[in-house]
Amino acid sequence: MAAEEHHDDHGNTVSAWFLTVTWIVAWTVAAVAIMMGGGLVLWTAIALGASVVFAVIAGVMKKAGLGRKEDRPVPPTREEWEATRELAASK
């Protein structure tokens, strides 16, 4: 079995992408502001505050149905995986 066949997409939801993109933007803006002469503590606090706000928004989005619809898949134990491999090899 090739690696591509076993790949599960664990976080491809609207709320996860919203959180990822907004955090990247918030921390990039803060980093640029700091490099342009802004105060380190001020812009770090702004980015941290924005990150918390965006996390709350993403949580609301998840509760509204824009997050994971089912539980994360649980990977098999080593014994289960080996048993599956042996069964596939014996066919």
PDB file of N, CA and C in Angstrom:
ATOM      1  N   MET A   1       0.845  -1.171   0.000  1.00  0.00           N
ATOM      2  CA  MET A   1       0.000   0.000   0.000  1.00  0.00           C
ATOM      3  C   MET A   1       0.895   1.240   0.000  1.00  0.00           C
ATOM      4  N   ALA A   2       0.674   2.116  -0.944  1.00  0.00           N
ATOM      5  CA  ALA A   2       1.478   3.335  -1.046  1.00  0.00           C
ATOM      6  C   ALA A   2       1.045   4.341   0.023  1.00  0.00           C
ATOM      7  N   ALA A   3       1.945   5.229   0.360  1.00  0.00           N
ATOM      8  CA  ALA A   3       1.664   6.227   1.388  1.00  0.00           C
ATOM      9  C   ALA A   3       0.476   7.107   1.004  1.00  0.00           C
ATOM     10  N   GLU A   4       0.327   7.405  -0.275  1.00  0.00           N
ATOM     11  CA  GLU A   4      -0.761   8.272  -0.716  1.00  0.00           C
ATOM     12  C   GLU A   4      -2.122   7.618  -0.476  1.00  0.00           C
ATOM     13  N   GLU A   5      -2.186   6.298  -0.554  1.00  0.00           N
ATOM     14  CA  GLU A   5      -3.452   5.600  -0.370  1.00  0.00           C
ATOM     15  C   GLU A   5      -3.913   5.639   1.079  1.00  0.00           C
ATOM     16  N   HIS A   6      -2.988   5.759   2.008  1.00  0.00           N
ATOM     17  CA  HIS A   6      -3.329   5.727   3.424  1.00  0.00           C
ATOM     18  C   HIS A   6      -3.476   7.120   4.023  1.00  0.00           C
ATOM     19  N   HIS A   7      -3.289   8.168   3.237  1.00  0.00           N
ATOM     20  CA  HIS A   7      -3.303   9.533   3.770  1.00  0.00           C
ATOM     21  C   HIS A   7      -4.715   9.946   4.177  1.00  0.00           C
ATOM     22  N   ASP A   8      -4.858  10.458   5.388  1.00  0.00           N
ATOM     23  CA  ASP A   8      -6.116  11.025   5.857  1.00  0.00           C
ATOM     24  C   ASP A   8      -5.906  12.516   6.047  1.00  0.00           C
ATOM     25  N   ASP A   9      -6.863  13.314   5.613  1.00  0.00           N
ATOM     26  CA  ASP A   9      -6.774  14.757   5.761  1.00  0.00           C
ATOM     27  C   ASP A   9      -7.336  15.132   7.122  1.00  0.00           C
ATOM     28  N   HIS A  10      -6.491  15.500   8.066  1.00  0.00           N
ATOM     29  CA  HIS A  10      -6.926  15.678   9.441  1.00  0.00           C
ATOM     30  C   HIS A  10      -7.448  17.066   9.781  1.00  0.00           C
ATOM     31  N   GLY A  11      -7.194  18.061   8.969  1.00  0.00           N
ATOM     32  CA  GLY A  11      -7.616  19.386   9.389  1.00  0.00           C
ATOM     33  C   GLY A  11      -8.108  20.272   8.284  1.00  0.00           C
ATOM     34  N   ASN A  12      -8.607  19.711   7.228  1.00  0.00           N
ATOM     35  CA  ASN A  12      -9.021  20.510   6.084  1.00  0.00           C
ATOM     36  C   ASN A  12     -10.469  20.957   6.252  1.00  0.00           C
ATOM     37  N   THR A  13     -10.693  21.878   7.200  1.00  0.00           N
ATOM     38  CA  THR A  13     -12.032  22.410   7.441  1.00  0.00           C
ATOM     39  C   THR A  13     -11.970  23.927   7.329  1.00  0.00           C
ATOM     40  N   VAL A  14     -13.137  24.530   7.168  1.00  0.00           N
ATOM     41  CA  VAL A  14     -13.193  25.996   7.035  1.00  0.00           C
ATOM     42  C   VAL A  14     -12.646  26.673   8.292  1.00  0.00           C
ATOM     43  N   SER A  15     -13.037  26.199   9.457  1.00  0.00           N
ATOM     44  CA  SER A  15     -12.571  26.846  10.694  1.00  0.00           C
ATOM     45  C   SER A  15     -11.061  26.684  10.875  1.00  0.00           C
ATOM     46  N   ALA A  16     -10.520  25.517  10.504  1.00  0.00           N
ATOM     47  CA  ALA A  16      -9.071  25.310  10.638  1.00  0.00           C
ATOM     48  C   ALA A  16      -8.296  26.209   9.690  1.00  0.00           C
ATOM     49  N   TRP A  17      -8.761  26.328   8.450  1.00  0.00           N
ATOM     50  CA  TRP A  17      -8.085  27.205   7.496  1.00  0.00           C
ATOM     51  C   TRP A  17      -8.212  28.672   7.900  1.00  0.00           C
ATOM     52  N   PHE A  18      -9.379  29.072   8.416  1.00  0.00           N
ATOM     53  CA  PHE A  18      -9.549  30.436   8.898  1.00  0.00           C
ATOM     54  C   PHE A  18      -8.525  30.742   9.982  1.00  0.00           C
ATOM     55  N   LEU A  19      -8.399  29.842  10.950  1.00  0.00           N
ATOM     56  CA  LEU A  19      -7.467  30.063  12.055  1.00  0.00           C
ATOM     57  C   LEU A  19      -6.023  30.109  11.560  1.00  0.00           C
ATOM     58  N   THR A  20      -5.656  29.203  10.688  1.00  0.00           N
ATOM     59  CA  THR A  20      -4.293  29.166  10.155  1.00  0.00           C
ATOM     60  C   THR A  20      -3.949  30.464   9.429  1.00  0.00           C
ATOM     61  N   VAL A  21      -4.811  30.879   8.518  1.00  0.00           N
ATOM     62  CA  VAL A  21      -4.537  32.070   7.711  1.00  0.00           C
ATOM     63  C   VAL A  21      -4.512  33.328   8.575  1.00  0.00           C
ATOM     64  N   THR A  22      -5.479  33.465   9.490  1.00  0.00           N
ATOM     65  CA  THR A  22      -5.515  34.682  10.310  1.00  0.00           C
ATOM     66  C   THR A  22      -4.316  34.768  11.253  1.00  0.00           C
ATOM     67  N   TRP A  23      -3.879  33.642  11.790  1.00  0.00           N
ATOM     68  CA  TRP A  23      -2.686  33.682  12.649  1.00  0.00           C
ATOM     69  C   TRP A  23      -1.451  34.054  11.844  1.00  0.00           C
ATOM     70  N   ILE A  24      -1.325  33.518  10.657  1.00  0.00           N
ATOM     71  CA  ILE A  24      -0.181  33.885   9.808  1.00  0.00           C
ATOM     72  C   ILE A  24      -0.197  35.372   9.520  1.00  0.00           C
ATOM     73  N   VAL A  25      -1.355  35.894   9.174  1.00  0.00           N
ATOM     74  CA  VAL A  25      -1.467  37.328   8.867  1.00  0.00           C
ATOM     75  C   VAL A  25      -1.163  38.171  10.105  1.00  0.00           C
ATOM     76  N   ALA A  26      -1.750  37.820  11.236  1.00  0.00           N
ATOM     77  CA  ALA A  26      -1.554  38.605  12.463  1.00  0.00           C
ATOM     78  C   ALA A  26      -0.085  38.664  12.863  1.00  0.00           C
ATOM     79  N   TRP A  27       0.589  37.531  12.857  1.00  0.00           N
ATOM     80  CA  TRP A  27       1.982  37.502  13.286  1.00  0.00           C
ATOM     81  C   TRP A  27       2.918  38.093  12.235  1.00  0.00           C
ATOM     82  N   THR A  28       2.547  38.007  10.965  1.00  0.00           N
ATOM     83  CA  THR A  28       3.354  38.644   9.920  1.00  0.00           C
ATOM     84  C   THR A  28       3.255  40.155  10.023  1.00  0.00           C
ATOM     85  N   VAL A  29       2.050  40.665  10.227  1.00  0.00           N
ATOM     86  CA  VAL A  29       1.866  42.113  10.392  1.00  0.00           C
ATOM     87  C   VAL A  29       2.660  42.594  11.611  1.00  0.00           C
ATOM     88  N   ALA A  30       2.588  41.861  12.707  1.00  0.00           N
ATOM     89  CA  ALA A  30       3.332  42.256  13.902  1.00  0.00           C
ATOM     90  C   ALA A  30       4.833  42.236  13.650  1.00  0.00           C
ATOM     91  N   ALA A  31       5.315  41.211  12.966  1.00  0.00           N
ATOM     92  CA  ALA A  31       6.752  41.123  12.683  1.00  0.00           C
ATOM     93  C   ALA A  31       7.212  42.276  11.807  1.00  0.00           C
ATOM     94  N   VAL A  32       6.442  42.591  10.777  1.00  0.00           N
ATOM     95  CA  VAL A  32       6.810  43.706   9.895  1.00  0.00           C
ATOM     96  C   VAL A  32       6.781  45.024  10.667  1.00  0.00           C
ATOM     97  N   ALA A  33       5.767  45.206  11.498  1.00  0.00           N
ATOM     98  CA  ALA A  33       5.680  46.437  12.296  1.00  0.00           C
ATOM     99  C   ALA A  33       6.880  46.566  13.230  1.00  0.00           C
ATOM    100  N   ILE A  34       7.293  45.473  13.833  1.00  0.00           N
ATOM    101  CA  ILE A  34       8.459  45.501  14.729  1.00  0.00           C
ATOM    102  C   ILE A  34       9.718  45.846  13.938  1.00  0.00           C
ATOM    103  N   MET A  35       9.865  45.245  12.758  1.00  0.00           N
ATOM    104  CA  MET A  35      11.053  45.532  11.939  1.00  0.00           C
ATOM    105  C   MET A  35      11.067  46.969  11.433  1.00  0.00           C
ATOM    106  N   MET A  36       9.891  47.562  11.281  1.00  0.00           N
ATOM    107  CA  MET A  36       9.812  48.936  10.796  1.00  0.00           C
ATOM    108  C   MET A  36       9.983  49.953  11.931  1.00  0.00           C
ATOM    109  N   GLY A  37      10.254  49.464  13.125  1.00  0.00           N
ATOM    110  CA  GLY A  37      10.544  50.374  14.227  1.00  0.00           C
ATOM    111  C   GLY A  37       9.477  50.419  15.303  1.00  0.00           C
ATOM    112  N   GLY A  38       8.447  49.609  15.183  1.00  0.00           N
ATOM    113  CA  GLY A  38       7.410  49.566  16.209  1.00  0.00           C
ATOM    114  C   GLY A  38       7.926  48.890  17.468  1.00  0.00           C
ATOM    115  N   GLY A  39       7.224  49.098  18.532  1.00  0.00           N
ATOM    116  CA  GLY A  39       7.634  48.515  19.815  1.00  0.00           C
ATOM    117  C   GLY A  39       7.420  47.009  19.856  1.00  0.00           C
ATOM    118  N   LEU A  40       8.429  46.308  20.304  1.00  0.00           N
ATOM    119  CA  LEU A  40       8.371  44.850  20.374  1.00  0.00           C
ATOM    120  C   LEU A  40       7.230  44.379  21.269  1.00  0.00           C
ATOM    121  N   VAL A  41       7.146  44.926  22.471  1.00  0.00           N
ATOM    122  CA  VAL A  41       6.120  44.494  23.418  1.00  0.00           C
ATOM    123  C   VAL A  41       4.730  44.860  22.905  1.00  0.00           C
ATOM    124  N   LEU A  42       4.577  46.053  22.355  1.00  0.00           N
ATOM    125  CA  LEU A  42       3.281  46.500  21.846  1.00  0.00           C
ATOM    126  C   LEU A  42       2.775  45.581  20.738  1.00  0.00           C
ATOM    127  N   TRP A  43       3.591  45.339  19.723  1.00  0.00           N
ATOM    128  CA  TRP A  43       3.146  44.539  18.580  1.00  0.00           C
ATOM    129  C   TRP A  43       3.017  43.057  18.918  1.00  0.00           C
ATOM    130  N   THR A  44       3.804  42.585  19.863  1.00  0.00           N
ATOM    131  CA  THR A  44       3.632  41.207  20.320  1.00  0.00           C
ATOM    132  C   THR A  44       2.299  41.072  21.047  1.00  0.00           C
ATOM    133  N   ALA A  45       1.958  42.051  21.870  1.00  0.00           N
ATOM    134  CA  ALA A  45       0.674  42.032  22.582  1.00  0.00           C
ATOM    135  C   ALA A  45      -0.494  42.132  21.599  1.00  0.00           C
ATOM    136  N   ILE A  46      -0.363  42.965  20.584  1.00  0.00           N
ATOM    137  CA  ILE A  46      -1.420  43.096  19.574  1.00  0.00           C
ATOM    138  C   ILE A  46      -1.618  41.765  18.845  1.00  0.00           C
ATOM    139  N   ALA A  47      -0.528  41.147  18.423  1.00  0.00           N
ATOM    140  CA  ALA A  47      -0.627  39.870  17.713  1.00  0.00           C
ATOM    141  C   ALA A  47      -1.194  38.781  18.612  1.00  0.00           C
ATOM    142  N   LEU A  48      -0.786  38.756  19.859  1.00  0.00           N
ATOM    143  CA  LEU A  48      -1.302  37.764  20.802  1.00  0.00           C
ATOM    144  C   LEU A  48      -2.799  37.970  21.033  1.00  0.00           C
ATOM    145  N   GLY A  49      -3.207  39.215  21.212  1.00  0.00           N
ATOM    146  CA  GLY A  49      -4.632  39.512  21.385  1.00  0.00           C
ATOM    147  C   GLY A  49      -5.441  39.127  20.152  1.00  0.00           C
ATOM    148  N   ALA A  50      -4.913  39.444  18.971  1.00  0.00           N
ATOM    149  CA  ALA A  50      -5.598  39.069  17.730  1.00  0.00           C
ATOM    150  C   ALA A  50      -5.684  37.554  17.602  1.00  0.00           C
ATOM    151  N   SER A  51      -4.633  36.848  17.987  1.00  0.00           N
ATOM    152  CA  SER A  51      -4.639  35.382  17.921  1.00  0.00           C
ATOM    153  C   SER A  51      -5.732  34.791  18.802  1.00  0.00           C
ATOM    154  N   VAL A  52      -5.908  35.350  19.985  1.00  0.00           N
ATOM    155  CA  VAL A  52      -6.952  34.870  20.889  1.00  0.00           C
ATOM    156  C   VAL A  52      -8.332  35.146  20.297  1.00  0.00           C
ATOM    157  N   VAL A  53      -8.529  36.345  19.773  1.00  0.00           N
ATOM    158  CA  VAL A  53      -9.819  36.683  19.151  1.00  0.00           C
ATOM    159  C   VAL A  53     -10.103  35.751  17.979  1.00  0.00           C
ATOM    160  N   PHE A  54      -9.108  35.512  17.131  1.00  0.00           N
ATOM    161  CA  PHE A  54      -9.311  34.628  15.984  1.00  0.00           C
ATOM    162  C   PHE A  54      -9.580  33.190  16.421  1.00  0.00           C
ATOM    163  N   ALA A  55      -8.960  32.750  17.511  1.00  0.00           N
ATOM    164  CA  ALA A  55      -9.216  31.400  18.018  1.00  0.00           C
ATOM    165  C   ALA A  55     -10.658  31.274  18.514  1.00  0.00           C
ATOM    166  N   VAL A  56     -11.156  32.314  19.160  1.00  0.00           N
ATOM    167  CA  VAL A  56     -12.547  32.310  19.616  1.00  0.00           C
ATOM    168  C   VAL A  56     -13.492  32.265  18.414  1.00  0.00           C
ATOM    169  N   ILE A  57     -13.201  33.070  17.401  1.00  0.00           N
ATOM    170  CA  ILE A  57     -14.028  33.074  16.190  1.00  0.00           C
ATOM    171  C   ILE A  57     -14.008  31.695  15.524  1.00  0.00           C
ATOM    172  N   ALA A  58     -12.839  31.082  15.433  1.00  0.00           N
ATOM    173  CA  ALA A  58     -12.740  29.745  14.837  1.00  0.00           C
ATOM    174  C   ALA A  58     -13.524  28.727  15.658  1.00  0.00           C
ATOM    175  N   GLY A  59     -13.520  28.862  16.977  1.00  0.00           N
ATOM    176  CA  GLY A  59     -14.318  27.975  17.827  1.00  0.00           C
ATOM    177  C   GLY A  59     -15.804  28.131  17.575  1.00  0.00           C
ATOM    178  N   VAL A  60     -16.243  29.369  17.397  1.00  0.00           N
ATOM    179  CA  VAL A  60     -17.654  29.620  17.072  1.00  0.00           C
ATOM    180  C   VAL A  60     -17.986  29.028  15.700  1.00  0.00           C
ATOM    181  N   MET A  61     -17.076  29.197  14.747  1.00  0.00           N
ATOM    182  CA  MET A  61     -17.286  28.616  13.415  1.00  0.00           C
ATOM    183  C   MET A  61     -17.411  27.098  13.504  1.00  0.00           C
ATOM    184  N   LYS A  62     -16.581  26.484  14.335  1.00  0.00           N
ATOM    185  CA  LYS A  62     -16.619  25.033  14.498  1.00  0.00           C
ATOM    186  C   LYS A  62     -17.960  24.603  15.084  1.00  0.00           C
ATOM    187  N   LYS A  63     -18.428  25.324  16.098  1.00  0.00           N
ATOM    188  CA  LYS A  63     -19.716  25.004  16.711  1.00  0.00           C
ATOM    189  C   LYS A  63     -20.866  25.220  15.723  1.00  0.00           C
ATOM    190  N   ALA A  64     -20.689  26.145  14.780  1.00  0.00           N
ATOM    191  CA  ALA A  64     -21.725  26.437  13.783  1.00  0.00           C
ATOM    192  C   ALA A  64     -21.737  25.422  12.643  1.00  0.00           C
ATOM    193  N   GLY A  65     -20.852  24.436  12.705  1.00  0.00           N
ATOM    194  CA  GLY A  65     -20.857  23.384  11.695  1.00  0.00           C
ATOM    195  C   GLY A  65     -19.787  23.507  10.636  1.00  0.00           C
ATOM    196  N   LEU A  66     -18.841  24.428  10.810  1.00  0.00           N
ATOM    197  CA  LEU A  66     -17.784  24.616   9.821  1.00  0.00           C
ATOM    198  C   LEU A  66     -16.486  23.915  10.222  1.00  0.00           C
ATOM    199  N   GLY A  67     -16.586  23.023  11.185  1.00  0.00           N
ATOM    200  CA  GLY A  67     -15.412  22.282  11.635  1.00  0.00           C
ATOM    201  C   GLY A  67     -15.536  20.811  11.285  1.00  0.00           C
ATOM    202  N   ARG A  68     -14.801  19.990  11.986  1.00  0.00           N
ATOM    203  CA  ARG A  68     -14.811  18.544  11.756  1.00  0.00           C
ATOM    204  C   ARG A  68     -16.195  17.988  12.056  1.00  0.00           C
ATOM    205  N   LYS A  69     -16.688  17.158  11.148  1.00  0.00           N
ATOM    206  CA  LYS A  69     -18.024  16.575  11.298  1.00  0.00           C
ATOM    207  C   LYS A  69     -17.976  15.216  12.016  1.00  0.00           C
ATOM    208  N   GLU A  70     -16.836  14.581  12.046  1.00  0.00           N
ATOM    209  CA  GLU A  70     -16.701  13.289  12.707  1.00  0.00           C
ATOM    210  C   GLU A  70     -15.411  13.289  13.515  1.00  0.00           C
ATOM    211  N   ASP A  71     -15.296  12.322  14.403  1.00  0.00           N
ATOM    212  CA  ASP A  71     -14.091  12.212  15.234  1.00  0.00           C
ATOM    213  C   ASP A  71     -12.867  11.949  14.374  1.00  0.00           C
ATOM    214  N   ARG A  72     -11.719  12.353  14.892  1.00  0.00           N
ATOM    215  CA  ARG A  72     -10.465  12.056  14.198  1.00  0.00           C
ATOM    216  C   ARG A  72     -10.284  10.552  14.116  1.00  0.00           C
ATOM    217  N   PRO A  73      -9.760  10.078  12.982  1.00  0.00           N
ATOM    218  CA  PRO A  73      -9.487   8.642  12.901  1.00  0.00           C
ATOM    219  C   PRO A  73      -8.363   8.267  13.874  1.00  0.00           C
ATOM    220  N   VAL A  74      -8.515   7.117  14.487  1.00  0.00           N
ATOM    221  CA  VAL A  74      -7.505   6.632  15.426  1.00  0.00           C
ATOM    222  C   VAL A  74      -6.603   5.663  14.667  1.00  0.00           C
ATOM    223  N   PRO A  75      -5.302   5.896  14.671  1.00  0.00           N
ATOM    224  CA  PRO A  75      -4.415   4.982  13.949  1.00  0.00           C
ATOM    225  C   PRO A  75      -4.413   3.602  14.612  1.00  0.00           C
ATOM    226  N   PRO A  76      -4.192   2.571  13.818  1.00  0.00           N
ATOM    227  CA  PRO A  76      -4.169   1.229  14.400  1.00  0.00           C
ATOM    228  C   PRO A  76      -2.941   1.041  15.294  1.00  0.00           C
ATOM    229  N   THR A  77      -3.079   0.120  16.226  1.00  0.00           N
ATOM    230  CA  THR A  77      -1.920  -0.234  17.040  1.00  0.00           C
ATOM    231  C   THR A  77      -0.947  -1.009  16.156  1.00  0.00           C
ATOM    232  N   ARG A  78       0.260  -1.191  16.630  1.00  0.00           N
ATOM    233  CA  ARG A  78       1.248  -1.935  15.854  1.00  0.00           C
ATOM    234  C   ARG A  78       0.764  -3.362  15.569  1.00  0.00           C
ATOM    235  N   GLU A  79       0.143  -3.975  16.571  1.00  0.00           N
ATOM    236  CA  GLU A  79      -0.352  -5.343  16.403  1.00  0.00           C
ATOM    237  C   GLU A  79      -1.447  -5.403  15.339  1.00  0.00           C
ATOM    238  N   GLU A  80      -2.371  -4.435  15.370  1.00  0.00           N
ATOM    239  CA  GLU A  80      -3.445  -4.393  14.358  1.00  0.00           C
ATOM    240  C   GLU A  80      -2.866  -4.177  12.963  1.00  0.00           C
ATOM    241  N   TRP A  81      -1.902  -3.282  12.874  1.00  0.00           N
ATOM    242  CA  TRP A  81      -1.286  -2.988  11.576  1.00  0.00           C
ATOM    243  C   TRP A  81      -0.574  -4.224  11.036  1.00  0.00           C
ATOM    244  N   GLU A  82       0.191  -4.901  11.900  1.00  0.00           N
ATOM    245  CA  GLU A  82       0.908  -6.103  11.467  1.00  0.00           C
ATOM    246  C   GLU A  82      -0.066  -7.212  11.043  1.00  0.00           C
ATOM    247  N   ALA A  83      -1.170  -7.355  11.792  1.00  0.00           N
ATOM    248  CA  ALA A  83      -2.171  -8.369  11.436  1.00  0.00           C
ATOM    249  C   ALA A  83      -2.791  -8.053  10.071  1.00  0.00           C
ATOM    250  N   THR A  84      -3.052  -6.799   9.804  1.00  0.00           N
ATOM    251  CA  THR A  84      -3.618  -6.397   8.512  1.00  0.00           C
ATOM    252  C   THR A  84      -2.636  -6.676   7.393  1.00  0.00           C
ATOM    253  N   ARG A  85      -1.371  -6.384   7.628  1.00  0.00           N
ATOM    254  CA  ARG A  85      -0.330  -6.641   6.615  1.00  0.00           C
ATOM    255  C   ARG A  85      -0.212  -8.143   6.329  1.00  0.00           C
ATOM    256  N   GLU A  86      -0.229  -8.945   7.392  1.00  0.00           N
ATOM    257  CA  GLU A  86      -0.131 -10.395   7.202  1.00  0.00           C
ATOM    258  C   GLU A  86      -1.336 -10.930   6.435  1.00  0.00           C
ATOM    259  N   LEU A  87      -2.527 -10.422   6.744  1.00  0.00           N
ATOM    260  CA  LEU A  87      -3.730 -10.847   6.061  1.00  0.00           C
ATOM    261  C   LEU A  87      -3.667 -10.472   4.581  1.00  0.00           C
ATOM    262  N   ALA A  88      -3.207  -9.267   4.281  1.00  0.00           N
ATOM    263  CA  ALA A  88      -3.093  -8.815   2.888  1.00  0.00           C
ATOM    264  C   ALA A  88      -2.052  -9.626   2.143  1.00  0.00           C
ATOM    265  N   ALA A  89      -0.983  -9.997   2.813  1.00  0.00           N
ATOM    266  CA  ALA A  89       0.087 -10.773   2.164  1.00  0.00           C
ATOM    267  C   ALA A  89      -0.355 -12.214   1.897  1.00  0.00           C
ATOM    268  N   SER A  90      -1.251 -12.734   2.716  1.00  0.00           N
ATOM    269  CA  SER A  90      -1.680 -14.120   2.553  1.00  0.00           C
ATOM    270  C   SER A  90      -2.733 -14.289   1.457  1.00  0.00           C
ATOM    271  N   LYS A  91      -3.287 -13.213   0.979  1.00  0.00           N
ATOM    272  CA  LYS A  91      -4.327 -13.292  -0.075  1.00  0.00           C
ATOM    273  C   LYS A  91      -3.727 -13.423  -1.440  1.00  0.00           C
TER     274      LYS A  91
END
